[in-house]
Amino acid sequence: MDYVATTEQVVKRTLESKNELNRLINLSKEHEYNSEWIARNLEDLKKKFSNKYIAVRKRSVIDNNEKLIKLITTLKEKYVEIDDVTIEYVTEKPIKFLL
């Protein structure tokens, strides 16, 4: 037996997909804004959070830890939803890329 969706079901799924797409676009923008903020403030962040992971939400450090897993665990306990949190490692040493 074939399943045939009603027009209402198709419209509902289309709207749900569009809402999810908009949510993902907004999250992407938020991560971009956070990353730009980190880059602009990197020297100050190095002084405060050297060799630590930082969690940034809405262009502000909300938590930090030397261990990534501990930071993520703490964030999930505090905030539950952490999709909009950007996590980066702050180091005094220059990062080398191998190509």
PDB file of N, CA and C in Angstrom:
ATOM      1  N   MET A   1       0.850  -1.181   0.000  1.00  0.00           N
ATOM      2  CA  MET A   1       0.000   0.000   0.000  1.00  0.00           C
ATOM      3  C   MET A   1       0.894   1.243   0.000  1.00  0.00           C
ATOM      4  N   ASP A   2       0.682   2.127  -0.932  1.00  0.00           N
ATOM      5  CA  ASP A   2       1.460   3.355  -1.034  1.00  0.00           C
ATOM      6  C   ASP A   2       0.893   4.417  -0.098  1.00  0.00           C
ATOM      7  N   TYR A   3       1.814   5.201   0.440  1.00  0.00           N
ATOM      8  CA  TYR A   3       1.404   6.300   1.307  1.00  0.00           C
ATOM      9  C   TYR A   3       1.283   7.561   0.465  1.00  0.00           C
ATOM     10  N   VAL A   4       0.173   8.237   0.555  1.00  0.00           N
ATOM     11  CA  VAL A   4      -0.044   9.484  -0.164  1.00  0.00           C
ATOM     12  C   VAL A   4      -0.285  10.576   0.874  1.00  0.00           C
ATOM     13  N   ALA A   5       0.568  11.571   0.850  1.00  0.00           N
ATOM     14  CA  ALA A   5       0.436  12.671   1.806  1.00  0.00           C
ATOM     15  C   ALA A   5      -0.612  13.664   1.327  1.00  0.00           C
ATOM     16  N   THR A   6      -1.347  14.194   2.275  1.00  0.00           N
ATOM     17  CA  THR A   6      -2.325  15.228   1.943  1.00  0.00           C
ATOM     18  C   THR A   6      -1.584  16.551   1.737  1.00  0.00           C
ATOM     19  N   THR A   7      -2.241  17.476   1.106  1.00  0.00           N
ATOM     20  CA  THR A   7      -1.656  18.799   0.897  1.00  0.00           C
ATOM     21  C   THR A   7      -1.280  19.428   2.231  1.00  0.00           C
ATOM     22  N   GLU A   8      -2.133  19.262   3.221  1.00  0.00           N
ATOM     23  CA  GLU A   8      -1.864  19.809   4.557  1.00  0.00           C
ATOM     24  C   GLU A   8      -0.586  19.219   5.144  1.00  0.00           C
ATOM     25  N   GLN A   9      -0.394  17.916   4.980  1.00  0.00           N
ATOM     26  CA  GLN A   9       0.809  17.263   5.503  1.00  0.00           C
ATOM     27  C   GLN A   9       2.067  17.760   4.780  1.00  0.00           C
ATOM     28  N   VAL A  10       1.962  17.931   3.474  1.00  0.00           N
ATOM     29  CA  VAL A  10       3.100  18.422   2.694  1.00  0.00           C
ATOM     30  C   VAL A  10       3.457  19.840   3.121  1.00  0.00           C
ATOM     31  N   VAL A  11       2.463  20.689   3.272  1.00  0.00           N
ATOM     32  CA  VAL A  11       2.696  22.075   3.699  1.00  0.00           C
ATOM     33  C   VAL A  11       3.325  22.094   5.090  1.00  0.00           C
ATOM     34  N   LYS A  12       2.808  21.268   5.992  1.00  0.00           N
ATOM     35  CA  LYS A  12       3.333  21.211   7.357  1.00  0.00           C
ATOM     36  C   LYS A  12       4.808  20.794   7.342  1.00  0.00           C
ATOM     37  N   ARG A  13       5.147  19.766   6.589  1.00  0.00           N
ATOM     38  CA  ARG A  13       6.537  19.300   6.512  1.00  0.00           C
ATOM     39  C   ARG A  13       7.434  20.346   5.870  1.00  0.00           C
ATOM     40  N   THR A  14       6.919  21.033   4.862  1.00  0.00           N
ATOM     41  CA  THR A  14       7.699  22.083   4.200  1.00  0.00           C
ATOM     42  C   THR A  14       8.001  23.213   5.173  1.00  0.00           C
ATOM     43  N   LEU A  15       7.001  23.616   5.950  1.00  0.00           N
ATOM     44  CA  LEU A  15       7.199  24.676   6.938  1.00  0.00           C
ATOM     45  C   LEU A  15       8.184  24.236   8.026  1.00  0.00           C
ATOM     46  N   GLU A  16       8.075  22.989   8.475  1.00  0.00           N
ATOM     47  CA  GLU A  16       9.000  22.468   9.481  1.00  0.00           C
ATOM     48  C   GLU A  16      10.430  22.464   8.939  1.00  0.00           C
ATOM     49  N   SER A  17      10.589  22.062   7.687  1.00  0.00           N
ATOM     50  CA  SER A  17      11.910  22.053   7.063  1.00  0.00           C
ATOM     51  C   SER A  17      12.457  23.466   6.928  1.00  0.00           C
ATOM     52  N   LYS A  18      11.586  24.394   6.551  1.00  0.00           N
ATOM     53  CA  LYS A  18      12.009  25.786   6.405  1.00  0.00           C
ATOM     54  C   LYS A  18      12.411  26.368   7.764  1.00  0.00           C
ATOM     55  N   ASN A  19      11.648  26.064   8.800  1.00  0.00           N
ATOM     56  CA  ASN A  19      11.981  26.541  10.150  1.00  0.00           C
ATOM     57  C   ASN A  19      13.315  25.973  10.613  1.00  0.00           C
ATOM     58  N   GLU A  20      13.548  24.695  10.332  1.00  0.00           N
ATOM     59  CA  GLU A  20      14.819  24.067  10.720  1.00  0.00           C
ATOM     60  C   GLU A  20      15.971  24.688   9.938  1.00  0.00           C
ATOM     61  N   LEU A  21      15.779  24.941   8.672  1.00  0.00           N
ATOM     62  CA  LEU A  21      16.805  25.589   7.865  1.00  0.00           C
ATOM     63  C   LEU A  21      17.121  26.975   8.407  1.00  0.00           C
ATOM     64  N   ASN A  22      16.093  27.749   8.747  1.00  0.00           N
ATOM     65  CA  ASN A  22      16.308  29.083   9.329  1.00  0.00           C
ATOM     66  C   ASN A  22      17.041  28.999  10.655  1.00  0.00           C
ATOM     67  N   ARG A  23      16.711  28.004  11.469  1.00  0.00           N
ATOM     68  CA  ARG A  23      17.399  27.817  12.752  1.00  0.00           C
ATOM     69  C   ARG A  23      18.877  27.531  12.519  1.00  0.00           C
ATOM     70  N   LEU A  24      19.187  26.676  11.563  1.00  0.00           N
ATOM     71  CA  LEU A  24      20.577  26.336  11.267  1.00  0.00           C
ATOM     72  C   LEU A  24      21.348  27.522  10.691  1.00  0.00           C
ATOM     73  N   ILE A  25      20.686  28.309   9.870  1.00  0.00           N
ATOM     74  CA  ILE A  25      21.318  29.518   9.325  1.00  0.00           C
ATOM     75  C   ILE A  25      21.634  30.486  10.455  1.00  0.00           C
ATOM     76  N   ASN A  26      20.690  30.679  11.368  1.00  0.00           N
ATOM     77  CA  ASN A  26      20.920  31.583  12.498  1.00  0.00           C
ATOM     78  C   ASN A  26      22.043  31.082  13.401  1.00  0.00           C
ATOM     79  N   LEU A  27      22.097  29.773  13.628  1.00  0.00           N
ATOM     80  CA  LEU A  27      23.196  29.204  14.427  1.00  0.00           C
ATOM     81  C   LEU A  27      24.531  29.437  13.748  1.00  0.00           C
ATOM     82  N   SER A  28      24.564  29.248  12.453  1.00  0.00           N
ATOM     83  CA  SER A  28      25.795  29.462  11.694  1.00  0.00           C
ATOM     84  C   SER A  28      26.265  30.912  11.816  1.00  0.00           C
ATOM     85  N   LYS A  29      25.328  31.840  11.703  1.00  0.00           N
ATOM     86  CA  LYS A  29      25.663  33.264  11.853  1.00  0.00           C
ATOM     87  C   LYS A  29      26.179  33.552  13.255  1.00  0.00           C
ATOM     88  N   GLU A  30      25.542  32.970  14.262  1.00  0.00           N
ATOM     89  CA  GLU A  30      25.960  33.195  15.652  1.00  0.00           C
ATOM     90  C   GLU A  30      27.383  32.685  15.870  1.00  0.00           C
ATOM     91  N   HIS A  31      27.700  31.511  15.322  1.00  0.00           N
ATOM     92  CA  HIS A  31      29.058  30.988  15.447  1.00  0.00           C
ATOM     93  C   HIS A  31      30.065  31.881  14.714  1.00  0.00           C
ATOM     94  N   GLU A  32      29.662  32.410  13.577  1.00  0.00           N
ATOM     95  CA  GLU A  32      30.525  33.325  12.842  1.00  0.00           C
ATOM     96  C   GLU A  32      30.791  34.587  13.663  1.00  0.00           C
ATOM     97  N   TYR A  33      29.743  35.161  14.255  1.00  0.00           N
ATOM     98  CA  TYR A  33      29.908  36.360  15.088  1.00  0.00           C
ATOM     99  C   TYR A  33      30.810  36.066  16.290  1.00  0.00           C
ATOM    100  N   ASN A  34      30.599  34.905  16.919  1.00  0.00           N
ATOM    101  CA  ASN A  34      31.439  34.538  18.067  1.00  0.00           C
ATOM    102  C   ASN A  34      32.894  34.364  17.655  1.00  0.00           C
ATOM    103  N   SER A  35      33.135  33.718  16.525  1.00  0.00           N
ATOM    104  CA  SER A  35      34.507  33.501  16.050  1.00  0.00           C
ATOM    105  C   SER A  35      35.192  34.826  15.726  1.00  0.00           C
ATOM    106  N   GLU A  36      34.452  35.739  15.114  1.00  0.00           N
ATOM    107  CA  GLU A  36      35.003  37.066  14.827  1.00  0.00           C
ATOM    108  C   GLU A  36      35.336  37.801  16.118  1.00  0.00           C
ATOM    109  N   TRP A  37      34.474  37.688  17.122  1.00  0.00           N
ATOM    110  CA  TRP A  37      34.710  38.333  18.412  1.00  0.00           C
ATOM    111  C   TRP A  37      35.966  37.748  19.076  1.00  0.00           C
ATOM    112  N   ILE A  38      36.100  36.435  19.013  1.00  0.00           N
ATOM    113  CA  ILE A  38      37.289  35.784  19.575  1.00  0.00           C
ATOM    114  C   ILE A  38      38.545  36.296  18.881  1.00  0.00           C
ATOM    115  N   ALA A  39      38.531  36.369  17.560  1.00  0.00           N
ATOM    116  CA  ALA A  39      39.696  36.845  16.805  1.00  0.00           C
ATOM    117  C   ALA A  39      40.058  38.277  17.188  1.00  0.00           C
ATOM    118  N   ARG A  40      39.051  39.130  17.337  1.00  0.00           N
ATOM    119  CA  ARG A  40      39.303  40.534  17.704  1.00  0.00           C
ATOM    120  C   ARG A  40      39.844  40.676  19.124  1.00  0.00           C
ATOM    121  N   ASN A  41      39.474  39.759  19.999  1.00  0.00           N
ATOM    122  CA  ASN A  41      39.850  39.859  21.409  1.00  0.00           C
ATOM    123  C   ASN A  41      40.891  38.828  21.828  1.00  0.00           C
ATOM    124  N   LEU A  42      41.553  38.235  20.854  1.00  0.00           N
ATOM    125  CA  LEU A  42      42.444  37.111  21.141  1.00  0.00           C
ATOM    126  C   LEU A  42      43.557  37.457  22.122  1.00  0.00           C
ATOM    127  N   GLU A  43      44.160  38.615  22.004  1.00  0.00           N
ATOM    128  CA  GLU A  43      45.267  38.977  22.908  1.00  0.00           C
ATOM    129  C   GLU A  43      44.802  39.026  24.366  1.00  0.00           C
ATOM    130  N   ASP A  44      43.658  39.621  24.622  1.00  0.00           N
ATOM    131  CA  ASP A  44      43.112  39.655  25.986  1.00  0.00           C
ATOM    132  C   ASP A  44      42.721  38.256  26.449  1.00  0.00           C
ATOM    133  N   LEU A  45      42.151  37.475  25.550  1.00  0.00           N
ATOM    134  CA  LEU A  45      41.752  36.107  25.901  1.00  0.00           C
ATOM    135  C   LEU A  45      42.968  35.250  26.239  1.00  0.00           C
ATOM    136  N   LYS A  46      44.070  35.457  25.525  1.00  0.00           N
ATOM    137  CA  LYS A  46      45.309  34.719  25.820  1.00  0.00           C
ATOM    138  C   LYS A  46      45.785  34.998  27.241  1.00  0.00           C
ATOM    139  N   LYS A  47      45.659  36.240  27.672  1.00  0.00           N
ATOM    140  CA  LYS A  47      46.099  36.614  29.027  1.00  0.00           C
ATOM    141  C   LYS A  47      45.229  35.963  30.102  1.00  0.00           C
ATOM    142  N   LYS A  48      43.944  35.857  29.843  1.00  0.00           N
ATOM    143  CA  LYS A  48      43.011  35.339  30.847  1.00  0.00           C
ATOM    144  C   LYS A  48      42.825  33.823  30.783  1.00  0.00           C
ATOM    145  N   PHE A  49      42.914  33.256  29.576  1.00  0.00           N
ATOM    146  CA  PHE A  49      42.521  31.849  29.402  1.00  0.00           C
ATOM    147  C   PHE A  49      43.570  31.016  28.658  1.00  0.00           C
ATOM    148  N   SER A  50      44.842  31.329  28.852  1.00  0.00           N
ATOM    149  CA  SER A  50      45.891  30.617  28.136  1.00  0.00           C
ATOM    150  C   SER A  50      45.835  29.114  28.416  1.00  0.00           C
ATOM    151  N   ASN A  51      45.934  28.330  27.349  1.00  0.00           N
ATOM    152  CA  ASN A  51      45.915  26.863  27.412  1.00  0.00           C
ATOM    153  C   ASN A  51      44.619  26.310  28.002  1.00  0.00           C
ATOM    154  N   LYS A  52      43.523  26.977  27.678  1.00  0.00           N
ATOM    155  CA  LYS A  52      42.203  26.525  28.107  1.00  0.00           C
ATOM    156  C   LYS A  52      41.232  26.601  26.939  1.00  0.00           C
ATOM    157  N   TYR A  53      40.190  25.812  27.040  1.00  0.00           N
ATOM    158  CA  TYR A  53      39.074  25.910  26.108  1.00  0.00           C
ATOM    159  C   TYR A  53      38.123  26.963  26.658  1.00  0.00           C
ATOM    160  N   ILE A  54      37.627  27.808  25.766  1.00  0.00           N
ATOM    161  CA  ILE A  54      36.643  28.802  26.180  1.00  0.00           C
ATOM    162  C   ILE A  54      35.325  28.530  25.468  1.00  0.00           C
ATOM    163  N   ALA A  55      34.245  28.806  26.159  1.00  0.00           N
ATOM    164  CA  ALA A  55      32.907  28.700  25.597  1.00  0.00           C
ATOM    165  C   ALA A  55      32.365  30.119  25.456  1.00  0.00           C
ATOM    166  N   VAL A  56      31.987  30.474  24.231  1.00  0.00           N
ATOM    167  CA  VAL A  56      31.526  31.829  23.944  1.00  0.00           C
ATOM    168  C   VAL A  56      30.088  31.773  23.440  1.00  0.00           C
ATOM    169  N   ARG A  57      29.260  32.590  24.065  1.00  0.00           N
ATOM    170  CA  ARG A  57      27.860  32.734  23.645  1.00  0.00           C
ATOM    171  C   ARG A  57      27.555  34.228  23.573  1.00  0.00           C
ATOM    172  N   LYS A  58      27.023  34.652  22.462  1.00  0.00           N
ATOM    173  CA  LYS A  58      26.663  36.059  22.251  1.00  0.00           C
ATOM    174  C   LYS A  58      27.838  36.990  22.540  1.00  0.00           C
ATOM    175  N   ARG A  59      28.997  36.608  22.005  1.00  0.00           N
ATOM    176  CA  ARG A  59      30.222  37.399  22.092  1.00  0.00           C
ATOM    177  C   ARG A  59      30.673  37.650  23.526  1.00  0.00           C
ATOM    178  N   SER A  60      30.546  36.639  24.354  1.00  0.00           N
ATOM    179  CA  SER A  60      30.982  36.721  25.747  1.00  0.00           C
ATOM    180  C   SER A  60      31.415  35.337  26.217  1.00  0.00           C
ATOM    181  N   VAL A  61      32.527  35.274  26.967  1.00  0.00           N
ATOM    182  CA  VAL A  61      32.982  33.999  27.509  1.00  0.00           C
ATOM    183  C   VAL A  61      32.057  33.622  28.657  1.00  0.00           C
ATOM    184  N   ILE A  62      31.423  32.460  28.541  1.00  0.00           N
ATOM    185  CA  ILE A  62      30.497  32.013  29.584  1.00  0.00           C
ATOM    186  C   ILE A  62      31.093  30.925  30.471  1.00  0.00           C
ATOM    187  N   ASP A  63      32.198  30.308  30.006  1.00  0.00           N
ATOM    188  CA  ASP A  63      32.854  29.278  30.816  1.00  0.00           C
ATOM    189  C   ASP A  63      34.191  28.925  30.176  1.00  0.00           C
ATOM    190  N   ASN A  64      35.039  28.240  30.937  1.00  0.00           N
ATOM    191  CA  ASN A  64      36.324  27.797  30.412  1.00  0.00           C
ATOM    192  C   ASN A  64      36.802  26.602  31.220  1.00  0.00           C
ATOM    193  N   ASN A  65      37.705  25.824  30.610  1.00  0.00           N
ATOM    194  CA  ASN A  65      38.277  24.675  31.306  1.00  0.00           C
ATOM    195  C   ASN A  65      39.476  24.180  30.507  1.00  0.00           C
ATOM    196  N   GLU A  66      40.407  23.547  31.207  1.00  0.00           N
ATOM    197  CA  GLU A  66      41.561  22.963  30.528  1.00  0.00           C
ATOM    198  C   GLU A  66      41.184  21.704  29.759  1.00  0.00           C
ATOM    199  N   LYS A  67      40.112  21.056  30.169  1.00  0.00           N
ATOM    200  CA  LYS A  67      39.665  19.810  29.546  1.00  0.00           C
ATOM    201  C   LYS A  67      38.373  20.056  28.762  1.00  0.00           C
ATOM    202  N   LEU A  68      38.390  19.702  27.499  1.00  0.00           N
ATOM    203  CA  LEU A  68      37.232  19.923  26.643  1.00  0.00           C
ATOM    204  C   LEU A  68      36.006  19.179  27.144  1.00  0.00           C
ATOM    205  N   ILE A  69      36.168  17.923  27.502  1.00  0.00           N
ATOM    206  CA  ILE A  69      35.021  17.118  27.938  1.00  0.00           C
ATOM    207  C   ILE A  69      34.394  17.690  29.215  1.00  0.00           C
ATOM    208  N   LYS A  70      35.219  18.206  30.115  1.00  0.00           N
ATOM    209  CA  LYS A  70      34.687  18.813  31.345  1.00  0.00           C
ATOM    210  C   LYS A  70      33.912  20.092  31.021  1.00  0.00           C
ATOM    211  N   LEU A  71      34.439  20.859  30.082  1.00  0.00           N
ATOM    212  CA  LEU A  71      33.758  22.092  29.688  1.00  0.00           C
ATOM    213  C   LEU A  71      32.389  21.771  29.085  1.00  0.00           C
ATOM    214  N   ILE A  72      32.352  20.824  28.180  1.00  0.00           N
ATOM    215  CA  ILE A  72      31.081  20.453  27.535  1.00  0.00           C
ATOM    216  C   ILE A  72      30.089  19.913  28.564  1.00  0.00           C
ATOM    217  N   THR A  73      30.571  19.079  29.481  1.00  0.00           N
ATOM    218  CA  THR A  73      29.694  18.531  30.524  1.00  0.00           C
ATOM    219  C   THR A  73      29.108  19.642  31.377  1.00  0.00           C
ATOM    220  N   THR A  74      29.941  20.578  31.788  1.00  0.00           N
ATOM    221  CA  THR A  74      29.473  21.713  32.603  1.00  0.00           C
ATOM    222  C   THR A  74      28.466  22.556  31.839  1.00  0.00           C
ATOM    223  N   LEU A  75      28.750  22.811  30.569  1.00  0.00           N
ATOM    224  CA  LEU A  75      27.825  23.612  29.761  1.00  0.00           C
ATOM    225  C   LEU A  75      26.465  22.947  29.649  1.00  0.00           C
ATOM    226  N   LYS A  76      26.468  21.646  29.414  1.00  0.00           N
ATOM    227  CA  LYS A  76      25.193  20.926  29.290  1.00  0.00           C
ATOM    228  C   LYS A  76      24.420  20.932  30.608  1.00  0.00           C
ATOM    229  N   GLU A  77      25.138  20.876  31.734  1.00  0.00           N
ATOM    230  CA  GLU A  77      24.466  20.936  33.043  1.00  0.00           C
ATOM    231  C   GLU A  77      23.876  22.317  33.289  1.00  0.00           C
ATOM    232  N   LYS A  78      24.597  23.354  32.905  1.00  0.00           N
ATOM    233  CA  LYS A  78      24.151  24.730  33.148  1.00  0.00           C
ATOM    234  C   LYS A  78      23.073  25.179  32.166  1.00  0.00           C
ATOM    235  N   TYR A  79      23.284  24.868  30.890  1.00  0.00           N
ATOM    236  CA  TYR A  79      22.459  25.472  29.845  1.00  0.00           C
ATOM    237  C   TYR A  79      21.602  24.489  29.052  1.00  0.00           C
ATOM    238  N   VAL A  80      21.820  23.218  29.169  1.00  0.00           N
ATOM    239  CA  VAL A  80      21.129  22.168  28.424  1.00  0.00           C
ATOM    240  C   VAL A  80      21.393  22.306  26.917  1.00  0.00           C
ATOM    241  N   GLU A  81      20.853  23.348  26.297  1.00  0.00           N
ATOM    242  CA  GLU A  81      21.072  23.569  24.866  1.00  0.00           C
ATOM    243  C   GLU A  81      22.361  24.367  24.673  1.00  0.00           C
ATOM    244  N   ILE A  82      23.287  23.794  23.930  1.00  0.00           N
ATOM    245  CA  ILE A  82      24.547  24.510  23.700  1.00  0.00           C
ATOM    246  C   ILE A  82      24.865  24.645  22.210  1.00  0.00           C
ATOM    247  N   ASP A  83      23.846  24.504  21.369  1.00  0.00           N
ATOM    248  CA  ASP A  83      24.060  24.625  19.924  1.00  0.00           C
ATOM    249  C   ASP A  83      24.653  25.972  19.527  1.00  0.00           C
ATOM    250  N   ASP A  84      24.319  27.020  20.273  1.00  0.00           N
ATOM    251  CA  ASP A  84      24.780  28.357  19.919  1.00  0.00           C
ATOM    252  C   ASP A  84      26.070  28.758  20.626  1.00  0.00           C
ATOM    253  N   VAL A  85      26.717  27.809  21.283  1.00  0.00           N
ATOM    254  CA  VAL A  85      27.966  28.082  21.996  1.00  0.00           C
ATOM    255  C   VAL A  85      29.141  27.709  21.098  1.00  0.00           C
ATOM    256  N   THR A  86      30.059  28.642  20.951  1.00  0.00           N
ATOM    257  CA  THR A  86      31.277  28.402  20.187  1.00  0.00           C
ATOM    258  C   THR A  86      32.388  28.059  21.169  1.00  0.00           C
ATOM    259  N   ILE A  87      33.081  26.952  20.913  1.00  0.00           N
ATOM    260  CA  ILE A  87      34.161  26.518  21.795  1.00  0.00           C
ATOM    261  C   ILE A  87      35.467  26.583  21.012  1.00  0.00           C
ATOM    262  N   GLU A  88      36.461  27.245  21.601  1.00  0.00           N
ATOM    263  CA  GLU A  88      37.775  27.331  20.974  1.00  0.00           C
ATOM    264  C   GLU A  88      38.860  27.167  22.029  1.00  0.00           C
ATOM    265  N   TYR A  89      40.001  26.654  21.583  1.00  0.00           N
ATOM    266  CA  TYR A  89      41.151  26.496  22.462  1.00  0.00           C
ATOM    267  C   TYR A  89      42.018  27.734  22.331  1.00  0.00           C
ATOM    268  N   VAL A  90      42.400  28.308  23.467  1.00  0.00           N
ATOM    269  CA  VAL A  90      43.226  29.511  23.485  1.00  0.00           C
ATOM    270  C   VAL A  90      44.634  29.107  23.899  1.00  0.00           C
ATOM    271  N   THR A  91      45.599  29.470  23.083  1.00  0.00           N
ATOM    272  CA  THR A  91      46.987  29.144  23.387  1.00  0.00           C
ATOM    273  C   THR A  91      47.885  30.322  23.077  1.00  0.00           C
ATOM    274  N   GLU A  92      48.948  30.446  23.862  1.00  0.00           N
ATOM    275  CA  GLU A  92      49.941  31.496  23.623  1.00  0.00           C
ATOM    276  C   GLU A  92      50.818  31.143  22.427  1.00  0.00           C
ATOM    277  N   LYS A  93      50.983  29.844  22.212  1.00  0.00           N
ATOM    278  CA  LYS A  93      51.868  29.374  21.142  1.00  0.00           C
ATOM    279  C   LYS A  93      51.192  29.553  19.782  1.00  0.00           C
ATOM    280  N   PRO A  94      51.969  29.926  18.771  1.00  0.00           N
ATOM    281  CA  PRO A  94      51.376  29.994  17.436  1.00  0.00           C
ATOM    282  C   PRO A  94      50.987  28.615  16.940  1.00  0.00           C
ATOM    283  N   ILE A  95      49.888  28.542  16.251  1.00  0.00           N
ATOM    284  CA  ILE A  95      49.418  27.266  15.728  1.00  0.00           C
ATOM    285  C   ILE A  95      50.065  27.022  14.371  1.00  0.00           C
ATOM    286  N   LYS A  96      50.602  25.810  14.183  1.00  0.00           N
ATOM    287  CA  LYS A  96      51.238  25.459  12.917  1.00  0.00           C
ATOM    288  C   LYS A  96      50.303  24.538  12.150  1.00  0.00           C
ATOM    289  N   PHE A  97      50.171  24.818  10.884  1.00  0.00           N
ATOM    290  CA  PHE A  97      49.338  24.007  10.016  1.00  0.00           C
ATOM    291  C   PHE A  97      50.223  23.208   9.073  1.00  0.00           C
ATOM    292  N   LEU A  98      49.934  21.951   8.932  1.00  0.00           N
ATOM    293  CA  LEU A  98      50.638  21.109   7.983  1.00  0.00           C
ATOM    294  C   LEU A  98      49.803  21.003   6.722  1.00  0.00           C
ATOM    295  N   LEU A  99      50.407  21.303   5.615  1.00  0.00           N
ATOM    296  CA  LEU A  99      49.676  21.225   4.339  1.00  0.00           C
ATOM    297  C   LEU A  99      50.168  20.067   3.511  1.00  0.00           C
TER     298      LEU A  99
END
